Each structure stands twice: as structure tokens, then as C-alpha cells.
Protein backbone atom coordinates (compact mmCIF):
# COMPACT_ATOMS: atom_id res chain seq x y z
CA GLN A 1 158.09 109.10 70.60
CA VAL A 2 156.10 111.01 73.21
CA GLN A 3 154.77 109.31 76.30
CA LEU A 4 152.09 111.10 78.31
CA VAL A 5 150.92 110.38 81.84
CA GLU A 6 147.89 112.10 83.34
CA SER A 7 147.26 112.61 87.03
CA GLY A 8 144.97 114.57 89.32
CA GLY A 9 141.60 113.03 88.57
CA GLY A 10 139.18 112.03 91.26
CA LEU A 11 135.77 112.51 92.81
CA VAL A 12 134.60 116.01 93.60
CA GLN A 13 131.31 117.68 94.47
CA ALA A 14 129.64 120.05 92.06
CA GLY A 15 131.15 123.50 92.37
CA GLY A 16 134.49 122.11 93.42
CA SER A 17 137.85 122.19 91.68
CA LEU A 18 140.45 119.78 90.36
CA ARG A 19 143.82 120.30 88.74
CA LEU A 20 144.92 117.79 86.14
CA SER A 21 148.53 117.40 85.12
CA CYS A 22 150.10 115.71 82.13
CA ALA A 23 153.76 114.75 82.24
CA ALA A 24 155.53 114.33 78.91
CA SER A 25 158.52 112.08 78.34
CA ARG A 26 160.34 114.71 76.31
CA SER A 27 160.70 118.44 76.20
CA ILE A 28 157.48 120.10 75.15
CA PHE A 29 159.40 122.90 73.49
CA SER A 30 159.33 120.81 70.31
CA ILE A 31 155.65 119.89 70.59
CA TYR A 32 153.45 122.08 68.43
CA ALA A 33 150.34 121.72 70.53
CA MET A 34 149.18 120.02 73.68
CA GLY A 35 145.77 119.79 75.17
CA TRP A 36 143.02 117.95 76.93
CA TYR A 37 140.14 115.91 75.62
CA ARG A 38 137.42 114.07 77.47
CA GLN A 39 135.07 111.21 76.87
CA ALA A 40 131.92 110.68 78.89
CA PRO A 41 130.08 107.34 78.99
CA GLY A 42 128.21 106.80 75.74
CA LYS A 43 129.69 109.94 74.21
CA GLN A 44 132.38 110.67 71.65
CA ARG A 45 135.69 112.07 72.72
CA GLU A 46 135.61 115.86 72.61
CA LEU A 47 138.14 118.65 72.80
CA VAL A 48 138.30 120.48 76.11
CA ALA A 49 141.27 122.82 75.78
CA THR A 50 144.48 123.17 73.79
CA ILE A 51 147.60 125.27 74.04
CA SER A 52 150.13 125.83 71.28
CA ASP A 53 153.90 126.15 71.55
CA SER A 54 153.43 129.91 71.42
CA GLY A 55 150.92 129.92 74.25
CA ILE A 56 147.74 130.36 72.24
CA THR A 57 144.82 128.66 73.95
CA HIS A 58 141.49 127.35 72.78
CA TYR A 59 138.58 126.17 74.87
CA ALA A 60 135.36 124.35 74.25
CA ASP A 61 132.40 126.65 74.78
CA SER A 62 131.17 124.44 77.60
CA VAL A 63 134.26 125.10 79.74
CA LYS A 64 135.13 128.70 78.91
CA GLY A 65 135.51 130.77 82.03
CA ARG A 66 135.81 127.70 84.23
CA PHE A 67 138.85 125.80 82.94
CA THR A 68 142.37 127.07 82.33
CA VAL A 69 145.04 125.22 80.38
CA SER A 70 148.70 126.05 80.84
CA ARG A 71 152.19 124.84 79.95
CA ASP A 72 155.20 124.48 82.17
CA ASN A 73 158.01 123.95 79.71
CA ALA A 74 160.65 123.61 82.41
CA LYS A 75 158.79 120.67 83.91
CA ASN A 76 157.55 119.22 80.62
CA THR A 77 153.97 119.35 81.78
CA VAL A 78 150.64 120.68 80.68
CA ASN A 79 147.98 121.40 83.26
CA LEU A 80 144.25 121.86 83.34
CA GLN A 81 142.78 123.82 86.22
CA MET A 82 139.09 123.01 86.48
CA ASN A 83 136.88 125.22 88.61
CA SER A 84 133.14 125.34 89.21
CA LEU A 85 132.83 121.73 88.16
CA LYS A 86 129.47 120.42 87.04
CA PRO A 87 128.13 116.86 86.88
CA GLU A 88 128.24 117.08 83.09
CA ASP A 89 132.03 117.45 83.33
CA THR A 90 132.21 113.83 84.45
CA ALA A 91 134.40 111.96 81.97
CA VAL A 92 137.75 110.37 81.38
CA TYR A 93 140.18 113.14 80.58
CA TYR A 94 142.99 112.48 78.13
CA CYS A 95 146.18 114.41 77.54
CA ASN A 96 147.15 114.97 73.91
CA ALA A 97 150.33 116.04 72.17
CA TYR A 98 150.70 116.85 68.48
CA ARG A 99 154.17 116.64 67.02
CA ALA A 100 155.42 116.02 63.51
CA ASN A 101 151.92 115.27 62.26
CA ILE A 102 151.40 112.58 64.89
CA ASP A 103 148.93 112.57 67.77
CA TYR A 104 150.01 111.08 71.08
CA TRP A 105 147.63 110.19 73.90
CA GLY A 106 147.88 109.41 77.57
CA GLN A 107 145.96 106.65 79.32
CA GLY A 108 143.40 109.01 80.77
CA THR A 109 142.32 110.00 84.25
CA GLN A 110 138.79 109.73 85.60
CA VAL A 111 136.98 112.85 86.78
CA THR A 112 133.68 112.33 88.54
CA VAL A 113 131.56 115.26 89.67
CA SER A 114 128.72 114.46 92.03
CA SER A 115 125.51 116.47 92.31
């Protein structure tokens, strides 16, 4: 029902920045919440940031002040601006959409932060 495609991942030095984008196959006006999760090697997938249809945001404590999640309803995208990246931010980042009690996931994009 909702297809999600992430982009923007890559290799960056510590202290650098990346901007991830998630393109949705349908209007995100009808999607209750969208957000980003990440999974590092050997770790469970964890919430990074979410944004509701009303613009309310939530961030994991580990990224507060460094990451910013935003919606662009006209372009059907959700973005994650990541600044002051740390090696511990290295993970596969997944886009998520929650609609009609169903979770949808993208394929993920790799973010690697070198020391």
C-alpha cells in the first residue's frame, strides 16, 4: 500500500553531515506518522526520529540536537538531516510509515561514519 525508498546514505568522516531522504509512493497527508530507524551490526533496530501528520517530532536521546526530521508533503518525502555524525551512528537507516495500523518499511540505506 505504501512503498518507501531511502536515499542519501554513504561514507562520511566523524563530525560531518548527511541528509537522508525517503520517497513515498503515495501522498503522506494520509500517513499518521513517518520516521527513521536504524540497525547497527549486532544490534536491534532502534528508533531514531519520528514525525506525525501534525508535525510533532520525537527523537532518540542519542541524536537530540544533532538530527532533524522533517516532512515535505508536496514531494511526498520525509527527510533526516544528520549533523555532527559520530562513529556510533554507523548503521543501516530505514524509513518507516504507519498508516491504518500497518507499518511499512523501506529497504534501508547504509550510513558509515569513520573515526
